[in-house]
Amino acid sequence: MENNGPLQYMVDFTLPSELSEEFIYKIPLQRNLVNRLISEGKVLNYSLSLQDSKLWVVFCADSEAELLDMVYRLPLTRYMSVRISALSLYSSSGINQWR
């Protein structure tokens, strides 16, 4: 299949079992950058389950290199394991809500 523009990627992050003070301190920095990436159309979805220690983010990027740059610029990435999947299909209702 030919790449005719930006691709979508699902990034599955697994949070550490215990959240350190350093991790918690960086949460506002993460939220600020994520909000900026959402406004730029680079993050399409950001979902967190503290119960399951999981964070799922759908990114829109022109290349895998651009994706990796965004993933590793996130302040909390260094504390989590990361699994990346290129998406064949992505649909959304457009709901955006922080809790």
C-alpha atoms as a PDB file:
ATOM      1  CA  MET A   1       0.000   0.000   0.000  1.00  0.00           C
ATOM      2  CA  GLU A   2       1.291   3.437  -0.965  1.00  0.00           C
ATOM      3  CA  ASN A   3       1.705   6.207   1.627  1.00  0.00           C
ATOM      4  CA  ASN A   4      -0.462   9.118   0.468  1.00  0.00           C
ATOM      5  CA  GLY A   5      -0.005  11.326   3.503  1.00  0.00           C
ATOM      6  CA  PRO A   6       0.173  11.114   7.259  1.00  0.00           C
ATOM      7  CA  LEU A   7      -0.142   7.730   8.931  1.00  0.00           C
ATOM      8  CA  GLN A   8      -1.792   6.922  12.240  1.00  0.00           C
ATOM      9  CA  TYR A   9      -0.008   4.984  14.945  1.00  0.00           C
ATOM     10  CA  MET A  10      -1.319   3.515  18.191  1.00  0.00           C
ATOM     11  CA  VAL A  11       1.246   3.815  20.933  1.00  0.00           C
ATOM     12  CA  ASP A  12       0.604   1.586  23.938  1.00  0.00           C
ATOM     13  CA  PHE A  13       2.434   2.742  27.058  1.00  0.00           C
ATOM     14  CA  THR A  14       2.653   0.674  30.247  1.00  0.00           C
ATOM     15  CA  LEU A  15       3.037   2.819  33.342  1.00  0.00           C
ATOM     16  CA  PRO A  16       5.403   1.833  36.155  1.00  0.00           C
ATOM     17  CA  SER A  17       3.851  -0.129  39.010  1.00  0.00           C
ATOM     18  CA  GLU A  18       4.656   2.715  41.394  1.00  0.00           C
ATOM     19  CA  LEU A  19       4.572   6.351  40.320  1.00  0.00           C
ATOM     20  CA  SER A  20       7.635   8.156  41.647  1.00  0.00           C
ATOM     21  CA  GLU A  21       7.610  11.793  42.761  1.00  0.00           C
ATOM     22  CA  GLU A  22       9.618  12.631  39.633  1.00  0.00           C
ATOM     23  CA  PHE A  23       6.965  10.971  37.438  1.00  0.00           C
ATOM     24  CA  ILE A  24       4.134  12.833  39.192  1.00  0.00           C
ATOM     25  CA  TYR A  25       6.045  16.132  38.940  1.00  0.00           C
ATOM     26  CA  LYS A  26       6.268  15.716  35.151  1.00  0.00           C
ATOM     27  CA  ILE A  27       2.537  15.060  34.593  1.00  0.00           C
ATOM     28  CA  PRO A  28       1.713  18.778  33.968  1.00  0.00           C
ATOM     29  CA  LEU A  29       4.594  18.963  31.447  1.00  0.00           C
ATOM     30  CA  GLN A  30       3.178  15.893  29.682  1.00  0.00           C
ATOM     31  CA  ARG A  31      -0.338  17.354  29.594  1.00  0.00           C
ATOM     32  CA  ASN A  32       0.937  20.665  28.184  1.00  0.00           C
ATOM     33  CA  LEU A  33       2.849  18.964  25.381  1.00  0.00           C
ATOM     34  CA  VAL A  34      -0.034  16.583  24.626  1.00  0.00           C
ATOM     35  CA  ASN A  35      -2.477  19.509  24.459  1.00  0.00           C
ATOM     36  CA  ARG A  36      -0.151  21.272  22.026  1.00  0.00           C
ATOM     37  CA  LEU A  37       0.164  18.129  19.885  1.00  0.00           C
ATOM     38  CA  ILE A  38      -3.631  17.751  19.908  1.00  0.00           C
ATOM     39  CA  SER A  39      -4.050  21.363  18.727  1.00  0.00           C
ATOM     40  CA  GLU A  40      -1.503  20.672  15.940  1.00  0.00           C
ATOM     41  CA  GLY A  41      -3.382  17.542  14.862  1.00  0.00           C
ATOM     42  CA  LYS A  42      -0.458  15.287  15.772  1.00  0.00           C
ATOM     43  CA  VAL A  43      -2.238  13.539  18.662  1.00  0.00           C
ATOM     44  CA  LEU A  44      -5.682  12.275  17.720  1.00  0.00           C
ATOM     45  CA  ASN A  45      -6.539  10.445  20.925  1.00  0.00           C
ATOM     46  CA  TYR A  46      -5.074  10.248  24.434  1.00  0.00           C
ATOM     47  CA  SER A  47      -6.552   7.695  26.851  1.00  0.00           C
ATOM     48  CA  LEU A  48      -5.381   6.718  30.323  1.00  0.00           C
ATOM     49  CA  SER A  49      -6.403   3.854  32.604  1.00  0.00           C
ATOM     50  CA  LEU A  50      -4.728   4.146  36.002  1.00  0.00           C
ATOM     51  CA  GLN A  51      -6.538   0.960  37.044  1.00  0.00           C
ATOM     52  CA  ASP A  52      -4.736  -0.983  34.295  1.00  0.00           C
ATOM     53  CA  SER A  53      -1.523   1.120  34.334  1.00  0.00           C
ATOM     54  CA  LYS A  54      -2.001   1.825  30.617  1.00  0.00           C
ATOM     55  CA  LEU A  55      -1.847   4.883  28.410  1.00  0.00           C
ATOM     56  CA  TRP A  56      -2.910   4.715  24.769  1.00  0.00           C
ATOM     57  CA  VAL A  57      -2.144   7.492  22.302  1.00  0.00           C
ATOM     58  CA  VAL A  58      -3.039   7.700  18.625  1.00  0.00           C
ATOM     59  CA  PHE A  59      -0.514   9.834  16.764  1.00  0.00           C
ATOM     60  CA  CYS A  60      -0.641  11.196  13.225  1.00  0.00           C
ATOM     61  CA  ALA A  61       2.815  11.428  11.636  1.00  0.00           C
ATOM     62  CA  ASP A  62       4.340  11.727   8.176  1.00  0.00           C
ATOM     63  CA  SER A  63       7.018   9.146   9.023  1.00  0.00           C
ATOM     64  CA  GLU A  64       8.097   6.713  11.686  1.00  0.00           C
ATOM     65  CA  ALA A  65      10.995   9.067  12.483  1.00  0.00           C
ATOM     66  CA  GLU A  66       8.540  11.904  13.184  1.00  0.00           C
ATOM     67  CA  LEU A  67       6.468   9.572  15.357  1.00  0.00           C
ATOM     68  CA  LEU A  68       9.487   8.456  17.381  1.00  0.00           C
ATOM     69  CA  ASP A  69      10.535  12.073  17.870  1.00  0.00           C
ATOM     70  CA  MET A  70       7.114  12.919  19.321  1.00  0.00           C
ATOM     71  CA  VAL A  71       6.979   9.797  21.506  1.00  0.00           C
ATOM     72  CA  TYR A  72      10.412  10.365  23.008  1.00  0.00           C
ATOM     73  CA  ARG A  73       9.804  14.106  23.567  1.00  0.00           C
ATOM     74  CA  LEU A  74       6.956  13.244  25.949  1.00  0.00           C
ATOM     75  CA  PRO A  75       8.314  13.805  29.475  1.00  0.00           C
ATOM     76  CA  LEU A  76       6.916  10.533  30.865  1.00  0.00           C
ATOM     77  CA  THR A  77       8.032   8.154  28.089  1.00  0.00           C
ATOM     78  CA  ARG A  78      11.323   7.321  29.829  1.00  0.00           C
ATOM     79  CA  TYR A  79       9.390   5.821  32.762  1.00  0.00           C
ATOM     80  CA  MET A  80       7.174   3.544  30.670  1.00  0.00           C
ATOM     81  CA  SER A  81       7.490   0.656  28.270  1.00  0.00           C
ATOM     82  CA  VAL A  82       6.291   1.478  24.763  1.00  0.00           C
ATOM     83  CA  ARG A  83       4.705  -0.613  22.021  1.00  0.00           C
ATOM     84  CA  ILE A  84       3.993   0.997  18.626  1.00  0.00           C
ATOM     85  CA  SER A  85       1.543  -0.247  16.000  1.00  0.00           C
ATOM     86  CA  ALA A  86       0.871   1.307  12.607  1.00  0.00           C
ATOM     87  CA  LEU A  87      -2.896   1.540  12.154  1.00  0.00           C
ATOM     88  CA  SER A  88      -4.652   0.378   9.001  1.00  0.00           C
ATOM     89  CA  LEU A  89      -7.860   2.156  10.027  1.00  0.00           C
ATOM     90  CA  TYR A  90      -8.673   4.825  12.593  1.00  0.00           C
ATOM     91  CA  SER A  91     -12.157   6.228  13.254  1.00  0.00           C
ATOM     92  CA  SER A  92     -13.238   8.581  16.017  1.00  0.00           C
ATOM     93  CA  SER A  93     -16.327  10.471  17.104  1.00  0.00           C
ATOM     94  CA  GLY A  94     -14.234  13.516  17.979  1.00  0.00           C
ATOM     95  CA  ILE A  95     -14.869  13.467  21.750  1.00  0.00           C
ATOM     96  CA  ASN A  96     -12.015  15.087  23.691  1.00  0.00           C
ATOM     97  CA  GLN A  97     -12.262  15.126  27.463  1.00  0.00           C
ATOM     98  CA  TRP A  98      -9.712  15.325  30.305  1.00  0.00           C
ATOM     99  CA  ARG A  99     -10.850  13.954  33.652  1.00  0.00           C
END
